[in-house]
Structures are given as C-alpha cells and as structure tokens.
Amino acid sequence: MASVRILDDGTVLFEGIAPQLLHILSRMHEAAESGDSEVEDRLFPSPVSVTSEDHIAEDWKAFVEPDLQSGFLSAREAVAADLRGADKTKGGDFAFRIPPKHLDHWLSALTQSRLALNAIHHFTEDDMNRSTADLDDPREFALMQSGIYGSMLEWLISIVE
C-alpha cells in the first residue's frame, strides 16, 4: 500500500509505489519533450496577441524563452534523477525520495507534463472530470496520466504551503 511521509529534513518519502505507477511517473518528461507545436504554444505562449507587437514576441522568443526551456529541462532532469534513485522493496514495490531542493522541480515537471498532455489530446473539462475507460487507448492512458500528475501536484502543493 502506498504511503507518503515527510522526514525530519523535509524530504518527501514515497513508499509502496507499484511498478506501474513508477513507470507512469517515469514517463512524465515524454509529453513535455514531444516537440508538438501545440505543446510549444501551451508551454511558451506569446506575451502579446496583437500582431502590431510582433517585435515583442520576437524578443521574447530570443531572450526569454531559452531560459524558460532551460529551467523546464532542469526540472525534468531533477525529477528523472529522483525516480532513477527509486529502491525496490522486498514486496516488489518501490520507494523514492524527493529532497526539499527538488520540490519546485517536481511542481514544474508535473505542470509541464499535464499542460503538454492536455494540449496534445485536447482534453476538455468534461474529459478531466470523468473516469478513464480503456487504458489500451493512448488518449485514455494520457487522461489517466494527467489525472495522476494532477493529484500528485495538488498533494505536493499542499505540503509546500
């Protein structure tokens, strides 16, 4: 049975994580790194909507977006490192730690992944409020992923506050 504890040093310890859940968490980066134009638009929206301000959008792409991309990548790399450090328990489940300095990285990576999945699959509010059906269907699997990432995001935000 999965459990979560906050250790004295502020580390978040997840225990009893089923291999399937660890696999889903390990796939977090895939959507955000898809290169899909809708994902790019969602993660890096233009700061202006008026075409007369195109020079601002160009400056944004040249000077701001690269730092955002770098920060997003750093967050995904920190999460991947935490997940690679997962330990298999005697019962076949896993345990992993999120050090306090990685909490912001997790919040970022979970958000990126949810935004990307939602953009790729065009999830609606109705989709987000229903149960997943056939997990062999890529869209349904992505909906489940988004839900898991959202639940974990909510929980991590609650402990950060």
C-alpha atoms as a PDB file:
ATOM      1  CA  MET A   1       0.000   0.000   0.000  1.00  0.00           C
ATOM      2  CA  ALA A   2       1.378   3.375  -0.988  1.00  0.00           C
ATOM      3  CA  SER A   3       2.270   5.837   1.711  1.00  0.00           C
ATOM      4  CA  VAL A   4       3.931   9.214   1.913  1.00  0.00           C
ATOM      5  CA  ARG A   5       5.939  10.622   4.784  1.00  0.00           C
ATOM      6  CA  ILE A   6       7.776  13.862   5.312  1.00  0.00           C
ATOM      7  CA  LEU A   7      11.088  13.180   7.011  1.00  0.00           C
ATOM      8  CA  ASP A   8      12.664  15.463   9.605  1.00  0.00           C
ATOM      9  CA  ASP A   9      14.916  17.093   6.989  1.00  0.00           C
ATOM     10  CA  GLY A  10      11.899  17.923   4.786  1.00  0.00           C
ATOM     11  CA  THR A  11      12.480  15.078   2.345  1.00  0.00           C
ATOM     12  CA  VAL A  12       9.269  13.582   0.974  1.00  0.00           C
ATOM     13  CA  LEU A  13       9.415   9.784   1.069  1.00  0.00           C
ATOM     14  CA  PHE A  14       7.057   7.787  -1.136  1.00  0.00           C
ATOM     15  CA  GLU A  15       6.840   4.109  -0.230  1.00  0.00           C
ATOM     16  CA  GLY A  16       4.847   1.162  -1.522  1.00  0.00           C
ATOM     17  CA  ILE A  17       4.760   2.543  -5.058  1.00  0.00           C
ATOM     18  CA  ALA A  18       3.557  -0.072  -7.540  1.00  0.00           C
ATOM     19  CA  PRO A  19       5.863  -0.667 -10.520  1.00  0.00           C
ATOM     20  CA  GLN A  20       3.118   0.555 -12.883  1.00  0.00           C
ATOM     21  CA  LEU A  21       2.841   3.872 -11.047  1.00  0.00           C
ATOM     22  CA  LEU A  22       6.608   4.316 -11.035  1.00  0.00           C
ATOM     23  CA  HIS A  23       6.546   3.669 -14.786  1.00  0.00           C
ATOM     24  CA  ILE A  24       3.854   6.326 -15.309  1.00  0.00           C
ATOM     25  CA  LEU A  25       5.837   8.825 -13.244  1.00  0.00           C
ATOM     26  CA  SER A  26       8.980   7.960 -15.197  1.00  0.00           C
ATOM     27  CA  ARG A  27       7.175   8.879 -18.432  1.00  0.00           C
ATOM     28  CA  MET A  28       6.461  12.394 -17.162  1.00  0.00           C
ATOM     29  CA  HIS A  29       9.035  14.017 -19.441  1.00  0.00           C
ATOM     30  CA  GLU A  30       7.815  12.418 -22.686  1.00  0.00           C
ATOM     31  CA  ALA A  31       4.871  14.714 -23.351  1.00  0.00           C
ATOM     32  CA  ALA A  32       6.731  17.882 -22.388  1.00  0.00           C
ATOM     33  CA  GLU A  33       9.590  16.934 -24.724  1.00  0.00           C
ATOM     34  CA  SER A  34       7.343  15.935 -27.619  1.00  0.00           C
ATOM     35  CA  GLY A  35       8.185  18.889 -29.877  1.00  0.00           C
ATOM     36  CA  ASP A  36       4.490  19.111 -30.776  1.00  0.00           C
ATOM     37  CA  SER A  37       3.640  22.658 -31.884  1.00  0.00           C
ATOM     38  CA  GLU A  38       0.559  22.722 -29.643  1.00  0.00           C
ATOM     39  CA  VAL A  39       2.738  21.787 -26.662  1.00  0.00           C
ATOM     40  CA  GLU A  40       5.202  24.528 -27.556  1.00  0.00           C
ATOM     41  CA  ASP A  41       2.353  27.035 -27.820  1.00  0.00           C
ATOM     42  CA  ARG A  42       0.966  25.921 -24.453  1.00  0.00           C
ATOM     43  CA  LEU A  43       4.285  25.912 -22.591  1.00  0.00           C
ATOM     44  CA  PHE A  44       5.655  29.053 -24.270  1.00  0.00           C
ATOM     45  CA  PRO A  45       2.693  31.279 -25.131  1.00  0.00           C
ATOM     46  CA  SER A  46       3.340  34.572 -26.846  1.00  0.00           C
ATOM     47  CA  PRO A  47       3.341  37.505 -24.421  1.00  0.00           C
ATOM     48  CA  VAL A  48       1.269  39.544 -26.897  1.00  0.00           C
ATOM     49  CA  SER A  49      -1.779  38.848 -29.007  1.00  0.00           C
ATOM     50  CA  VAL A  50      -1.689  41.896 -31.258  1.00  0.00           C
ATOM     51  CA  THR A  51       0.268  41.482 -34.488  1.00  0.00           C
ATOM     52  CA  SER A  52       1.481  45.092 -34.264  1.00  0.00           C
ATOM     53  CA  GLU A  53       3.511  43.928 -31.266  1.00  0.00           C
ATOM     54  CA  ASP A  54       5.352  41.161 -33.163  1.00  0.00           C
ATOM     55  CA  HIS A  55       8.727  42.654 -32.227  1.00  0.00           C
ATOM     56  CA  ILE A  56       7.916  41.955 -28.559  1.00  0.00           C
ATOM     57  CA  ALA A  57       7.067  38.343 -29.392  1.00  0.00           C
ATOM     58  CA  GLU A  58      10.325  38.005 -31.337  1.00  0.00           C
ATOM     59  CA  ASP A  59      12.339  39.418 -28.420  1.00  0.00           C
ATOM     60  CA  TRP A  60      10.512  37.061 -26.065  1.00  0.00           C
ATOM     61  CA  LYS A  61      11.418  34.063 -28.230  1.00  0.00           C
ATOM     62  CA  ALA A  62      15.032  35.192 -28.478  1.00  0.00           C
ATOM     63  CA  PHE A  63      15.741  36.308 -24.917  1.00  0.00           C
ATOM     64  CA  VAL A  64      13.196  34.819 -22.505  1.00  0.00           C
ATOM     65  CA  GLU A  65      12.098  31.513 -23.967  1.00  0.00           C
ATOM     66  CA  PRO A  66      15.580  29.903 -23.961  1.00  0.00           C
ATOM     67  CA  ASP A  67      15.861  30.477 -20.193  1.00  0.00           C
ATOM     68  CA  LEU A  68      12.376  29.030 -19.690  1.00  0.00           C
ATOM     69  CA  GLN A  69      13.292  25.988 -21.783  1.00  0.00           C
ATOM     70  CA  SER A  70      16.475  25.517 -19.782  1.00  0.00           C
ATOM     71  CA  GLY A  71      14.628  25.804 -16.481  1.00  0.00           C
ATOM     72  CA  PHE A  72      11.953  23.367 -17.637  1.00  0.00           C
ATOM     73  CA  LEU A  73      14.611  20.880 -18.751  1.00  0.00           C
ATOM     74  CA  SER A  74      16.448  21.192 -15.420  1.00  0.00           C
ATOM     75  CA  ALA A  75      13.215  20.445 -13.586  1.00  0.00           C
ATOM     76  CA  ARG A  76      12.536  17.335 -15.682  1.00  0.00           C
ATOM     77  CA  GLU A  77      16.124  16.144 -15.191  1.00  0.00           C
ATOM     78  CA  ALA A  78      15.895  16.531 -11.395  1.00  0.00           C
ATOM     79  CA  VAL A  79      12.645  14.547 -11.331  1.00  0.00           C
ATOM     80  CA  ALA A  80      14.141  11.837 -13.547  1.00  0.00           C
ATOM     81  CA  ALA A  81      17.143  11.580 -11.201  1.00  0.00           C
ATOM     82  CA  ASP A  82      14.855  11.215  -8.166  1.00  0.00           C
ATOM     83  CA  LEU A  83      12.920   8.457  -9.920  1.00  0.00           C
ATOM     84  CA  ARG A  84      16.093   6.673 -11.058  1.00  0.00           C
ATOM     85  CA  GLY A  85      17.035   6.573  -7.370  1.00  0.00           C
ATOM     86  CA  ALA A  86      13.933   4.542  -6.522  1.00  0.00           C
ATOM     87  CA  ASP A  87      14.651   1.469  -4.425  1.00  0.00           C
ATOM     88  CA  LYS A  88      12.840  -1.822  -4.963  1.00  0.00           C
ATOM     89  CA  THR A  89      11.435  -3.273  -1.744  1.00  0.00           C
ATOM     90  CA  LYS A  90      11.121  -6.915  -0.763  1.00  0.00           C
ATOM     91  CA  GLY A  91       7.456  -6.888  -1.762  1.00  0.00           C
ATOM     92  CA  GLY A  92       8.281  -5.745  -5.309  1.00  0.00           C
ATOM     93  CA  ASP A  93       7.076  -2.193  -4.811  1.00  0.00           C
ATOM     94  CA  PHE A  94       9.304   0.869  -4.868  1.00  0.00           C
ATOM     95  CA  ALA A  95      10.269   3.760  -2.628  1.00  0.00           C
ATOM     96  CA  PHE A  96      11.713   7.079  -3.732  1.00  0.00           C
ATOM     97  CA  ARG A  97      12.614  10.392  -2.154  1.00  0.00           C
ATOM     98  CA  ILE A  98      12.067  13.974  -3.168  1.00  0.00           C
ATOM     99  CA  PRO A  99      14.666  16.150  -1.453  1.00  0.00           C
ATOM    100  CA  PRO A 100      13.422  19.581  -0.346  1.00  0.00           C
ATOM    101  CA  LYS A 101      15.523  21.326  -3.005  1.00  0.00           C
ATOM    102  CA  HIS A 102      13.707  19.306  -5.714  1.00  0.00           C
ATOM    103  CA  LEU A 103      10.126  20.099  -4.696  1.00  0.00           C
ATOM    104  CA  ASP A 104       9.931  23.082  -7.052  1.00  0.00           C
ATOM    105  CA  HIS A 105      11.328  20.904  -9.841  1.00  0.00           C
ATOM    106  CA  TRP A 106       8.564  18.374  -9.252  1.00  0.00           C
ATOM    107  CA  LEU A 107       5.902  21.085  -9.301  1.00  0.00           C
ATOM    108  CA  SER A 108       7.297  22.381 -12.591  1.00  0.00           C
ATOM    109  CA  ALA A 109       7.685  18.970 -14.253  1.00  0.00           C
ATOM    110  CA  LEU A 110       4.217  17.805 -13.214  1.00  0.00           C
ATOM    111  CA  THR A 111       2.686  21.028 -14.510  1.00  0.00           C
ATOM    112  CA  GLN A 112       4.614  20.856 -17.792  1.00  0.00           C
ATOM    113  CA  SER A 113       3.530  17.273 -18.350  1.00  0.00           C
ATOM    114  CA  ARG A 114      -0.116  17.969 -17.616  1.00  0.00           C
ATOM    115  CA  LEU A 115      -0.185  21.018 -19.888  1.00  0.00           C
ATOM    116  CA  ALA A 116       1.505  19.040 -22.649  1.00  0.00           C
ATOM    117  CA  LEU A 117      -0.799  16.022 -22.373  1.00  0.00           C
ATOM    118  CA  ASN A 118      -3.836  18.273 -22.296  1.00  0.00           C
ATOM    119  CA  ALA A 119      -2.634  20.167 -25.396  1.00  0.00           C
ATOM    120  CA  ILE A 120      -1.749  17.037 -27.370  1.00  0.00           C
ATOM    121  CA  HIS A 121      -5.025  15.276 -26.620  1.00  0.00           C
ATOM    122  CA  HIS A 122      -7.302  18.338 -26.495  1.00  0.00           C
ATOM    123  CA  PHE A 123      -8.787  17.304 -23.171  1.00  0.00           C
ATOM    124  CA  THR A 124     -11.905  19.190 -22.184  1.00  0.00           C
ATOM    125  CA  GLU A 125     -13.183  19.883 -18.707  1.00  0.00           C
ATOM    126  CA  ASP A 126     -15.650  17.024 -19.221  1.00  0.00           C
ATOM    127  CA  ASP A 127     -12.747  14.696 -20.032  1.00  0.00           C
ATOM    128  CA  MET A 128     -10.915  15.785 -16.908  1.00  0.00           C
ATOM    129  CA  ASN A 129     -13.978  15.052 -14.763  1.00  0.00           C
ATOM    130  CA  ARG A 130     -14.637  11.527 -15.970  1.00  0.00           C
ATOM    131  CA  SER A 131     -13.087   8.155 -15.273  1.00  0.00           C
ATOM    132  CA  THR A 132     -10.764   6.615 -17.795  1.00  0.00           C
ATOM    133  CA  ALA A 133     -12.100   3.644 -19.705  1.00  0.00           C
ATOM    134  CA  ASP A 134      -9.821   1.618 -21.985  1.00  0.00           C
ATOM    135  CA  LEU A 135      -6.211   2.144 -20.932  1.00  0.00           C
ATOM    136  CA  ASP A 136      -5.056   0.463 -24.144  1.00  0.00           C
ATOM    137  CA  ASP A 137      -6.345   3.580 -25.903  1.00  0.00           C
ATOM    138  CA  PRO A 138      -3.462   6.135 -25.941  1.00  0.00           C
ATOM    139  CA  ARG A 139      -5.821   9.052 -25.293  1.00  0.00           C
ATOM    140  CA  GLU A 140      -7.397   7.309 -22.298  1.00  0.00           C
ATOM    141  CA  PHE A 141      -3.958   6.391 -20.965  1.00  0.00           C
ATOM    142  CA  ALA A 142      -2.869  10.019 -21.335  1.00  0.00           C
ATOM    143  CA  LEU A 143      -6.002  11.119 -19.477  1.00  0.00           C
ATOM    144  CA  MET A 144      -5.078   8.782 -16.625  1.00  0.00           C
ATOM    145  CA  GLN A 145      -1.508  10.125 -16.639  1.00  0.00           C
ATOM    146  CA  SER A 146      -2.765  13.695 -16.488  1.00  0.00           C
ATOM    147  CA  GLY A 147      -5.031  12.806 -13.573  1.00  0.00           C
ATOM    148  CA  ILE A 148      -2.217  11.128 -11.657  1.00  0.00           C
ATOM    149  CA  TYR A 149       0.108  14.056 -12.275  1.00  0.00           C
ATOM    150  CA  GLY A 150      -2.623  16.459 -11.201  1.00  0.00           C
ATOM    151  CA  SER A 151      -3.290  14.574  -7.970  1.00  0.00           C
ATOM    152  CA  MET A 152       0.401  14.454  -7.151  1.00  0.00           C
ATOM    153  CA  LEU A 153       0.735  18.146  -7.983  1.00  0.00           C
ATOM    154  CA  GLU A 154      -2.141  19.054  -5.651  1.00  0.00           C
ATOM    155  CA  TRP A 155      -0.658  16.989  -2.864  1.00  0.00           C
ATOM    156  CA  LEU A 156       2.839  18.448  -3.255  1.00  0.00           C
ATOM    157  CA  ILE A 157       1.428  21.981  -3.320  1.00  0.00           C
ATOM    158  CA  SER A 158      -0.411  21.265  -0.076  1.00  0.00           C
ATOM    159  CA  ILE A 159       2.798  20.232   1.687  1.00  0.00           C
ATOM    160  CA  VAL A 160       4.812  23.157   0.297  1.00  0.00           C
ATOM    161  CA  GLU A 161       2.319  25.681   1.680  1.00  0.00           C
END
